Structure formats: structure tokens, C-alpha cells
Amino acid sequence: MKLISLLDRSLFRVVSVICQLLLFSAVAAGFYQVIARFVLLSPSDWSEAWTRSSLIWTVMLGLCLAFRQGAMLSVEMLHGLLKGRAKRWLEHLILLICVSFLGFMAWVGAQMTWRVRFQTLASLDFSISWIYVAIPVGMGLAIVGALARWAELADVVPVDDTVI
């Protein structure tokens, strides 16, 4: 179990660092675009495409971090109403729905990536499929994050909060 925990922490730490670097590069490229356009009076042709591409990757990778931390929007009303086994069955159902949706999105994203493999990003001169592949990669990592969060919650012993 320690090995799985170490792999879990390491994987999501690497994803977090990549997200931070991509976000920094998007800000730097956007700042350069403003300077090049309004100060140097020579707009850059690559910075807008790079900013958009890095933000797409940041969102798709950030999604898996949100699933891992349990930070996705949820409806707490049912969690508050249910207790014990019923609450755990609700978590199973939520996991099933999330993993099904993420798997479907990964499949659609892979299909889109395959379709555009010969199209190039004009200003960056590489295949646009490198941008589209963020969808299946992000969704696959989000599935791993959702499963890791679900497994982590299975280890939590429910506390009876009734007052005696």
C-alpha cells in the first residue's frame, strides 16, 4: 500500500508541477504578446497560439488534480441525508457516473486527436493533434484521480456523530 501511495503522490505532484509551468508559460507568452504588439509594434504570431494551447493543457491536467483532491462541485444534500452504507453506495454511484463520463470523453478526445493528426497549427508549425491529445490524457488522469480519491475515502472510518 505504501508503494501505491508513493506512486499516487508522485504522479499528482508531477502533474501539478507541469500545470504550474504551463500556466507560467501562458502568462509569459501573453505578456510578450502585449509588449510585442503595443511597445515593439510588431505583433508576434506564435504567442497567442502558445497561450491558448498551454491553457488547454493546464485545464485538462488541472481537472485530474481537482478530482484527486475531491474539489469538484458536488451536491452535499444527499451526503447529509444519508448515513453509513447508504452514503457509501451513493459514493459508488457517483464514482461510476464520473468514470463513465470521463471514459466517454477520453474516447471522444482520442477520436478527435486521430482525425486532426495531419492538420498543423499555423503559427507554431506542429500538429494540432498535440493540443487535442490533452483531452484523452487529462480524462485518463482524471479517472486515476477519481479512483484514488474513492479508494482513499474507503479507508476513512465513519464517525458516529449522534449525541448521547
Protein backbone atom coordinates (compact mmCIF):
# COMPACT_ATOMS: atom_id res chain seq x y z
CA MET A 1 0.00 0.00 0.00
CA LYS A 2 2.92 2.34 0.68
CA LEU A 3 4.15 1.87 -2.89
CA ILE A 4 0.75 2.77 -4.32
CA SER A 5 0.57 5.81 -2.05
CA LEU A 6 4.05 6.88 -3.14
CA LEU A 7 3.14 6.47 -6.83
CA ASP A 8 -0.09 8.38 -6.24
CA ARG A 9 1.66 11.32 -4.57
CA SER A 10 4.49 11.33 -7.12
CA LEU A 11 2.20 11.24 -10.16
CA PHE A 12 -0.02 14.07 -8.99
CA ARG A 13 2.96 16.12 -7.79
CA VAL A 14 4.48 15.86 -11.29
CA VAL A 15 1.14 16.80 -12.87
CA SER A 16 0.88 19.78 -10.52
CA VAL A 17 4.37 21.00 -11.44
CA ILE A 18 3.58 20.62 -15.15
CA CYS A 19 0.35 22.62 -14.68
CA GLN A 20 2.23 25.37 -12.88
CA LEU A 21 4.89 25.56 -15.59
CA LEU A 22 2.27 25.62 -18.35
CA LEU A 23 0.36 28.38 -16.59
CA PHE A 24 3.55 30.38 -16.13
CA SER A 25 4.42 29.94 -19.82
CA ALA A 26 0.91 31.08 -20.82
CA VAL A 27 1.25 34.23 -18.73
CA ALA A 28 4.75 34.91 -20.09
CA ALA A 29 3.63 34.40 -23.70
CA GLY A 30 0.59 36.63 -23.17
CA PHE A 31 2.77 39.32 -21.61
CA TYR A 32 5.19 39.05 -24.53
CA GLN A 33 2.28 39.37 -26.97
CA VAL A 34 1.17 42.65 -25.34
CA ILE A 35 4.73 44.04 -25.32
CA ALA A 36 5.36 42.97 -28.90
CA ARG A 37 2.10 44.43 -30.16
CA PHE A 38 1.92 47.74 -28.31
CA VAL A 39 5.54 48.57 -27.49
CA LEU A 40 7.53 47.00 -30.32
CA LEU A 41 4.67 47.48 -32.83
CA SER A 42 5.42 44.06 -34.27
CA PRO A 43 2.85 41.50 -33.11
CA SER A 44 4.08 38.00 -32.52
CA ASP A 45 2.39 35.22 -34.46
CA TRP A 46 3.23 32.36 -32.09
CA SER A 47 2.43 33.73 -28.64
CA GLU A 48 -1.37 33.71 -28.94
CA ALA A 49 -1.39 30.11 -30.17
CA TRP A 50 1.03 29.06 -27.42
CA THR A 51 -1.04 30.80 -24.74
CA ARG A 52 -4.22 29.08 -25.93
CA SER A 53 -2.51 25.69 -26.20
CA SER A 54 -0.86 25.84 -22.79
CA LEU A 55 -4.12 26.92 -21.16
CA ILE A 56 -5.92 23.97 -22.74
CA TRP A 57 -3.31 21.60 -21.35
CA THR A 58 -3.44 23.34 -17.96
CA VAL A 59 -7.21 22.90 -17.73
CA MET A 60 -7.14 19.25 -18.78
CA LEU A 61 -4.33 18.37 -16.37
CA GLY A 62 -5.82 20.53 -13.62
CA LEU A 63 -9.03 18.54 -13.92
CA CYS A 64 -7.29 15.42 -12.68
CA LEU A 65 -5.87 17.35 -9.72
CA ALA A 66 -9.36 18.57 -8.85
CA PHE A 67 -10.75 15.03 -8.99
CA ARG A 68 -7.87 13.76 -6.86
CA GLN A 69 -8.45 16.39 -4.17
CA GLY A 70 -12.23 15.99 -4.26
CA ALA A 71 -12.60 19.63 -5.25
CA MET A 72 -15.17 19.10 -7.95
CA LEU A 73 -18.60 20.63 -7.47
CA SER A 74 -20.88 18.23 -5.66
CA VAL A 75 -24.33 18.18 -4.19
CA GLU A 76 -23.93 17.76 -0.45
CA MET A 77 -27.63 17.47 0.31
CA LEU A 78 -27.73 13.72 -0.31
CA HIS A 79 -24.49 13.21 1.59
CA GLY A 80 -26.05 14.98 4.55
CA LEU A 81 -29.24 12.93 4.44
CA LEU A 82 -27.63 9.51 4.10
CA LYS A 83 -25.67 7.62 6.73
CA GLY A 84 -23.42 4.58 6.79
CA ARG A 85 -23.79 2.06 3.97
CA ALA A 86 -26.27 4.17 2.01
CA LYS A 87 -23.76 7.02 1.94
CA ARG A 88 -21.04 4.68 0.66
CA TRP A 89 -23.38 3.33 -2.05
CA LEU A 90 -24.01 6.91 -3.12
CA GLU A 91 -20.25 7.39 -3.45
CA HIS A 92 -20.07 4.22 -5.58
CA LEU A 93 -22.81 5.58 -7.84
CA ILE A 94 -21.11 8.96 -8.14
CA LEU A 95 -17.81 7.26 -9.00
CA LEU A 96 -19.49 5.10 -11.63
CA ILE A 97 -21.12 8.13 -13.28
CA CYS A 98 -17.91 10.18 -13.19
CA VAL A 99 -15.69 7.40 -14.53
CA SER A 100 -18.21 6.60 -17.26
CA PHE A 101 -18.38 10.23 -18.36
CA LEU A 102 -14.59 10.70 -18.20
CA GLY A 103 -14.06 7.47 -20.14
CA PHE A 104 -16.51 8.62 -22.82
CA MET A 105 -14.73 11.99 -23.04
CA ALA A 106 -11.35 10.23 -23.32
CA TRP A 107 -12.70 8.10 -26.16
CA VAL A 108 -14.16 11.12 -27.99
CA GLY A 109 -10.94 13.07 -27.39
CA ALA A 110 -8.87 10.22 -28.84
CA GLN A 111 -11.13 10.15 -31.91
CA MET A 112 -10.75 13.92 -32.36
CA THR A 113 -6.98 13.66 -31.95
CA TRP A 114 -6.83 10.97 -34.62
CA ARG A 115 -8.95 12.99 -37.06
CA VAL A 116 -6.78 16.12 -36.91
CA ARG A 117 -3.39 14.39 -36.94
CA PHE A 118 -2.44 15.88 -40.33
CA GLN A 119 -3.57 19.42 -39.53
CA THR A 120 -0.81 21.77 -38.37
CA LEU A 121 -1.06 24.70 -36.02
CA ALA A 122 -0.20 27.57 -38.35
CA SER A 123 1.93 29.74 -36.12
CA LEU A 124 3.68 27.00 -34.15
CA ASP A 125 4.30 24.64 -37.07
CA PHE A 126 3.43 21.36 -35.36
CA SER A 127 0.43 19.08 -35.49
CA ILE A 128 -2.68 20.35 -33.75
CA SER A 129 -3.20 16.80 -32.51
CA TRP A 130 -0.63 17.59 -29.79
CA ILE A 131 -3.19 20.04 -28.44
CA TYR A 132 -6.16 17.70 -28.84
CA VAL A 133 -4.35 14.84 -27.09
CA ALA A 134 -4.75 16.87 -23.89
CA ILE A 135 -8.36 15.64 -23.77
CA PRO A 136 -7.71 11.89 -23.52
CA VAL A 137 -4.62 12.40 -21.35
CA GLY A 138 -6.48 14.70 -18.96
CA MET A 139 -9.53 12.45 -18.82
CA GLY A 140 -7.40 9.34 -18.23
CA LEU A 141 -5.55 11.04 -15.39
CA ALA A 142 -8.88 12.32 -14.01
CA ILE A 143 -10.12 8.72 -13.91
CA VAL A 144 -7.00 7.76 -11.96
CA GLY A 145 -7.58 10.73 -9.64
CA ALA A 146 -11.24 9.87 -9.08
CA LEU A 147 -10.38 6.23 -8.34
CA ALA A 148 -7.59 7.27 -5.97
CA ARG A 149 -9.93 9.64 -4.12
CA TRP A 150 -12.60 6.94 -3.90
CA ALA A 151 -10.09 4.40 -2.57
CA GLU A 152 -8.83 6.94 -0.05
CA LEU A 153 -12.37 7.56 1.20
CA ALA A 154 -12.86 3.80 1.66
CA ASP A 155 -10.15 3.86 4.33
CA VAL A 156 -11.86 6.62 6.33
CA VAL A 157 -13.77 5.19 9.25
CA PRO A 158 -17.14 6.90 9.58
CA VAL A 159 -17.61 8.68 12.86
CA ASP A 160 -20.96 8.43 14.56
CA ASP A 161 -21.93 11.98 15.38
CA THR A 162 -25.00 11.19 17.46
CA VAL A 163 -25.12 12.82 20.86
CA ILE A 164 -25.64 10.54 23.81
